[in-house]
Amino acid sequence: MGQRLTIADLPDLARGAAFLGTGGGGNPYVGRLLVESAMRETGRDLDLLDLADVPDDALIIPTAMMGAPTCIVEKLPRGDEAAASLRRLEAHLGKTAYATMPIEAGGVNSMIPLMVALRLGIPVVDGDGMGRAFPLLQHETFHVYGVSGTPMVVTNDHHDQTLIETHDNAMMEWLARGVTIRMGGVAYIAEYVMDGATAKRVSIAGTIGLGLKIGRAIREAREQHLDPFSHLIETLAGTDYSPARLIFSGKIVEVFRRT
């Protein structure tokens, strides 16, 4: 069984996504604001679908932001770009998506599919293609297990769109990256179309729910003045991220970001 996410769950989910991103994938805070806005506009909560419950013949279309995470702060999206990519891909395929899902669980792309699901009234699958955050589109488990990333649609904030079809996923990344740069450094994509049976075979299950648990554990540790590392290690026990252990501790005093 899946679960239903409410607006009260989003701060914990964003915090957990930041942890899973380990500095990559962009700041999920902006994504959280976009999902909160979509929840208020649509009046919907979010249906999170367990990977195991996805019908084998269901059409799954993952959605995401592509480009420089710093650009999304300077160039805030309208909120419907990724949904427009999914709809354009549906039109190209002549099929309707049963659900969307993340391509990565860390950073802002943990949030983009949630916004798409809310705006289109479809569920989001609790799983992804990385379990963390990654820099290139062919770094996903979907690619590792032989799923084609194309056909793919790239959309910008003016709803200019590009449909990409390539012979392999490395070329997909190269072309989509060039289009994204010319769209201003950030765009919104739909890619790696697959059926439910394939999604079960090639995806990492439960990563959205895990992000929620991680974010909740960090918050609880702060509120209850617990050791956050011990509390996280307990939370991660029995997951794909265990056994977790503390290697060293320190304080970050400065961060340099270059795009």
Foldseek 3Di string as FASTA:
>chain_A
DWDWADLVLLQLLQQLQQVLQVPPAARQVLLNVLLNVLCVVLVDIATEAFLVPADQFAKEKEKFKDFDNVVCVVPPAPLCQRLLFQVVVCVVVVHDHQAYEFQESHYNSVRSRSSNCSVVVHHYYAWHFALGDDRFPCVGLLNVVPQAFDQKWKAARVRDIDGDDDPHRVVVRVVNCVVCVVSPGMIMMITRIDGSSSCSVRIGTRSSVLSSLLSVQQVVCVVVVHDSQVSNCVSCPPHPPPNDDDDDDDDDDDDDDDD
